[in-house]
């Protein structure tokens, strides 16, 4: 089918654009800021369920929690232990 070939070509073109995209040159100060070790002393507050989703809660299980159990990123079973900081102005 023509539409399937068209979509297949779009995917191929997107993949080619991704692998040929020029590398980003970061300044040394930004590189240094991104490599600062993550501090485990910083904790996020517990998640709060969204009250507007209450009517939907019977259709979905455990809306107030994300994949990590608390929904706030403080999980001890995270598979990615590398944390990078982005400086904000």
N, C-alpha and C. Protein backbone atom coordinates (compact mmCIF):
# COMPACT_ATOMS: atom_id res chain seq x y z
N UNK A 1 0.83 -1.18 0.00
CA UNK A 1 0.00 0.00 0.00
C UNK A 1 0.88 1.25 0.00
N UNK A 2 0.42 2.24 -0.69
CA UNK A 2 1.17 3.48 -0.82
C UNK A 2 1.33 4.20 0.52
N UNK A 3 0.28 4.23 1.36
CA UNK A 3 0.36 4.94 2.63
C UNK A 3 1.37 4.27 3.57
N UNK A 4 1.47 2.96 3.55
CA UNK A 4 2.43 2.25 4.40
C UNK A 4 3.85 2.58 3.97
N UNK A 5 4.09 2.62 2.68
CA UNK A 5 5.43 2.98 2.18
C UNK A 5 5.78 4.41 2.55
N UNK A 6 4.79 5.30 2.48
CA UNK A 6 5.02 6.70 2.82
C UNK A 6 5.43 6.85 4.28
N UNK A 7 4.70 6.17 5.18
CA UNK A 7 5.03 6.24 6.60
C UNK A 7 6.39 5.60 6.86
N UNK A 8 6.67 4.49 6.21
CA UNK A 8 7.97 3.82 6.36
C UNK A 8 9.11 4.76 5.94
N UNK A 9 8.91 5.49 4.88
CA UNK A 9 9.92 6.45 4.42
C UNK A 9 10.08 7.61 5.40
N UNK A 10 8.96 8.04 6.01
CA UNK A 10 9.04 9.10 7.03
C UNK A 10 9.89 8.65 8.21
N UNK A 11 9.66 7.41 8.66
CA UNK A 11 10.45 6.88 9.76
C UNK A 11 11.93 6.79 9.39
N UNK A 12 12.21 6.33 8.18
CA UNK A 12 13.60 6.23 7.73
C UNK A 12 14.24 7.61 7.66
N UNK A 13 13.51 8.60 7.16
CA UNK A 13 14.04 9.96 7.07
C UNK A 13 14.27 10.53 8.47
N UNK A 14 13.34 10.31 9.39
CA UNK A 14 13.50 10.81 10.76
C UNK A 14 14.71 10.18 11.43
N UNK A 15 14.90 8.87 11.23
CA UNK A 15 16.05 8.20 11.81
C UNK A 15 17.34 8.76 11.25
N UNK A 16 17.39 8.98 9.95
CA UNK A 16 18.59 9.54 9.32
C UNK A 16 18.87 10.95 9.86
N UNK A 17 17.84 11.75 10.04
CA UNK A 17 18.03 13.09 10.59
C UNK A 17 18.56 13.03 12.02
N UNK A 18 18.09 12.07 12.81
CA UNK A 18 18.56 11.93 14.19
C UNK A 18 20.03 11.54 14.27
N UNK A 19 20.45 10.62 13.41
CA UNK A 19 21.84 10.15 13.51
C UNK A 19 22.82 11.10 12.83
N UNK A 20 22.33 12.00 11.98
CA UNK A 20 23.24 12.94 11.32
C UNK A 20 23.15 14.34 11.93
N UNK A 21 22.37 14.50 12.99
CA UNK A 21 22.21 15.80 13.63
C UNK A 21 23.55 16.23 14.21
N UNK A 22 23.96 17.49 14.01
CA UNK A 22 25.26 17.94 14.53
C UNK A 22 25.29 17.93 16.06
N UNK A 23 26.45 17.59 16.61
CA UNK A 23 26.62 17.56 18.06
C UNK A 23 26.54 18.96 18.63
N UNK A 24 26.02 19.05 19.84
CA UNK A 24 25.89 20.34 20.53
C UNK A 24 27.21 20.63 21.25
N UNK A 25 27.70 21.83 21.10
CA UNK A 25 28.92 22.25 21.78
C UNK A 25 28.54 23.04 23.03
N UNK A 26 28.82 22.46 24.20
CA UNK A 26 28.52 23.13 25.46
C UNK A 26 29.75 23.86 25.97
N UNK A 27 29.51 24.97 26.63
CA UNK A 27 30.63 25.70 27.21
C UNK A 27 31.18 24.91 28.40
N UNK A 28 32.45 25.11 28.73
CA UNK A 28 33.03 24.38 29.87
C UNK A 28 32.27 24.62 31.18
N UNK A 29 31.74 25.82 31.38
CA UNK A 29 31.01 26.09 32.63
C UNK A 29 29.72 25.26 32.72
N UNK A 30 29.04 25.08 31.59
CA UNK A 30 27.82 24.26 31.59
C UNK A 30 28.18 22.79 31.79
N UNK A 31 29.24 22.32 31.14
CA UNK A 31 29.69 20.94 31.33
C UNK A 31 30.02 20.68 32.80
N UNK A 32 30.70 21.62 33.42
CA UNK A 32 31.06 21.47 34.83
C UNK A 32 29.81 21.46 35.71
N UNK A 33 28.85 22.33 35.41
CA UNK A 33 27.62 22.38 36.20
C UNK A 33 26.82 21.09 36.08
N UNK A 34 26.84 20.47 34.91
CA UNK A 34 26.11 19.22 34.71
C UNK A 34 26.77 18.03 35.40
N UNK A 35 28.05 18.12 35.68
CA UNK A 35 28.76 17.00 36.28
C UNK A 35 28.84 17.07 37.80
N UNK A 36 28.18 18.06 38.42
CA UNK A 36 28.17 18.17 39.87
C UNK A 36 27.43 16.96 40.43
N UNK A 37 28.00 16.27 41.41
CA UNK A 37 27.33 15.09 41.96
C UNK A 37 25.99 15.45 42.59
N UNK A 38 25.07 14.52 42.48
CA UNK A 38 23.73 14.70 43.03
C UNK A 38 23.80 14.55 44.54
N UNK A 39 23.12 15.40 45.24
CA UNK A 39 23.08 15.35 46.69
C UNK A 39 21.84 14.60 47.14
N UNK A 40 22.03 13.57 47.95
CA UNK A 40 20.87 12.80 48.43
C UNK A 40 20.15 13.53 49.55
N UNK A 41 20.70 14.66 49.99
CA UNK A 41 20.05 15.43 51.05
C UNK A 41 18.81 16.16 50.54
N UNK A 42 18.72 16.37 49.25
CA UNK A 42 17.58 17.06 48.67
C UNK A 42 16.44 16.06 48.53
N UNK A 43 15.32 16.36 49.15
CA UNK A 43 14.15 15.49 49.03
C UNK A 43 12.97 16.31 48.54
N UNK A 44 12.13 15.66 47.81
CA UNK A 44 10.92 16.30 47.30
C UNK A 44 9.76 16.00 48.23
N UNK A 45 8.77 16.87 48.29
CA UNK A 45 7.61 16.59 49.14
C UNK A 45 6.82 15.41 48.59
N UNK A 46 6.04 14.80 49.46
CA UNK A 46 5.20 13.68 49.03
C UNK A 46 4.20 14.16 47.98
N UNK A 47 3.83 13.27 47.09
CA UNK A 47 2.89 13.63 46.04
C UNK A 47 1.48 13.78 46.62
N UNK A 48 0.71 14.63 45.99
CA UNK A 48 -0.66 14.87 46.41
C UNK A 48 -1.59 14.51 45.25
N UNK A 49 -2.59 13.69 45.50
CA UNK A 49 -3.51 13.34 44.41
C UNK A 49 -4.23 14.57 43.87
N UNK A 50 -4.44 14.58 42.58
CA UNK A 50 -5.16 15.67 41.92
C UNK A 50 -6.66 15.48 42.19
N UNK A 51 -7.30 16.45 42.88
CA UNK A 51 -8.72 16.27 43.21
C UNK A 51 -9.62 16.21 41.97
N UNK A 52 -9.20 16.82 40.88
CA UNK A 52 -10.05 16.79 39.68
C UNK A 52 -10.07 15.41 39.03
N UNK A 53 -9.13 14.52 39.41
CA UNK A 53 -9.11 13.18 38.85
C UNK A 53 -9.86 12.18 39.72
N UNK A 54 -10.41 12.64 40.82
CA UNK A 54 -11.11 11.75 41.75
C UNK A 54 -12.22 10.95 41.05
N UNK A 55 -13.04 11.56 40.20
CA UNK A 55 -14.09 10.77 39.53
C UNK A 55 -13.52 9.66 38.64
N UNK A 56 -12.29 9.80 38.18
CA UNK A 56 -11.69 8.80 37.31
C UNK A 56 -11.00 7.69 38.09
N UNK A 57 -10.82 7.86 39.40
CA UNK A 57 -10.00 6.93 40.16
C UNK A 57 -10.56 5.52 40.18
N UNK A 58 -11.86 5.35 39.97
CA UNK A 58 -12.39 3.99 39.96
C UNK A 58 -12.04 3.26 38.66
N UNK A 59 -11.69 3.99 37.61
CA UNK A 59 -11.31 3.35 36.35
C UNK A 59 -9.84 3.01 36.30
N UNK A 60 -9.04 3.72 37.06
CA UNK A 60 -7.60 3.53 37.03
C UNK A 60 -7.12 3.16 38.43
N UNK A 61 -6.09 2.37 38.50
CA UNK A 61 -5.60 1.98 39.81
C UNK A 61 -4.42 2.86 40.20
N UNK A 62 -4.42 3.30 41.43
CA UNK A 62 -3.28 4.00 42.03
C UNK A 62 -2.87 5.24 41.25
N UNK A 63 -3.79 6.15 40.99
CA UNK A 63 -3.48 7.35 40.22
C UNK A 63 -2.48 8.27 40.91
N UNK A 64 -2.44 8.24 42.24
CA UNK A 64 -1.62 9.21 42.96
C UNK A 64 -0.15 8.82 43.00
N UNK A 65 0.20 7.64 42.50
CA UNK A 65 1.59 7.20 42.58
C UNK A 65 2.12 6.88 41.21
N UNK A 66 3.38 7.24 40.99
CA UNK A 66 4.05 6.94 39.74
C UNK A 66 4.64 5.55 39.77
N UNK A 67 5.50 5.26 38.83
CA UNK A 67 6.13 3.95 38.74
C UNK A 67 7.07 3.67 39.89
N UNK A 68 7.55 4.71 40.56
CA UNK A 68 8.53 4.51 41.61
C UNK A 68 7.88 4.36 42.99
N UNK A 69 6.59 4.29 43.07
CA UNK A 69 5.94 4.04 44.34
C UNK A 69 5.48 5.31 45.04
N UNK A 70 6.19 6.41 44.93
CA UNK A 70 5.80 7.62 45.63
C UNK A 70 5.43 8.74 44.69
N UNK A 71 5.81 8.65 43.46
CA UNK A 71 5.48 9.67 42.50
C UNK A 71 6.31 10.93 42.62
N UNK A 72 7.33 10.94 43.50
CA UNK A 72 8.10 12.16 43.69
C UNK A 72 9.58 12.00 43.35
N UNK A 73 9.99 10.89 42.81
CA UNK A 73 11.37 10.71 42.38
C UNK A 73 12.32 10.29 43.48
N UNK A 74 11.83 10.00 44.68
CA UNK A 74 12.70 9.61 45.78
C UNK A 74 12.80 8.11 45.96
N UNK A 75 12.56 7.36 44.92
CA UNK A 75 12.58 5.91 45.02
C UNK A 75 13.99 5.38 45.26
N UNK A 76 14.09 4.33 46.04
CA UNK A 76 15.39 3.72 46.28
C UNK A 76 15.72 2.66 45.24
N UNK A 77 14.74 2.29 44.43
CA UNK A 77 14.99 1.26 43.43
C UNK A 77 15.14 1.85 42.02
N UNK A 78 15.57 3.08 41.91
CA UNK A 78 15.76 3.71 40.61
C UNK A 78 16.88 3.00 39.87
N UNK A 79 16.67 2.77 38.59
CA UNK A 79 17.70 2.10 37.82
C UNK A 79 18.77 3.06 37.34
N UNK A 80 18.48 4.35 37.29
CA UNK A 80 19.44 5.33 36.78
C UNK A 80 19.95 6.15 37.96
N UNK A 81 21.20 5.93 38.35
CA UNK A 81 21.76 6.64 39.50
C UNK A 81 22.55 7.88 39.08
N UNK A 82 22.65 8.17 37.77
CA UNK A 82 23.36 9.35 37.30
C UNK A 82 22.38 10.50 37.20
N UNK A 83 22.61 11.53 37.98
CA UNK A 83 21.75 12.70 37.98
C UNK A 83 22.55 13.88 37.46
N UNK A 84 22.01 14.61 36.50
CA UNK A 84 22.65 15.77 35.95
C UNK A 84 21.83 17.00 36.32
N UNK A 85 22.53 18.07 36.60
CA UNK A 85 21.85 19.33 36.94
C UNK A 85 21.93 20.28 35.76
N UNK A 86 20.86 20.98 35.55
CA UNK A 86 20.83 22.00 34.51
C UNK A 86 20.70 23.34 35.22
N UNK A 87 21.66 24.25 35.00
CA UNK A 87 21.58 25.55 35.68
C UNK A 87 20.37 26.34 35.19
N UNK A 88 19.65 26.92 36.13
CA UNK A 88 18.47 27.72 35.82
C UNK A 88 18.76 29.16 36.18
N UNK A 89 18.29 30.04 35.38
CA UNK A 89 18.51 31.47 35.65
C UNK A 89 17.25 32.12 36.14
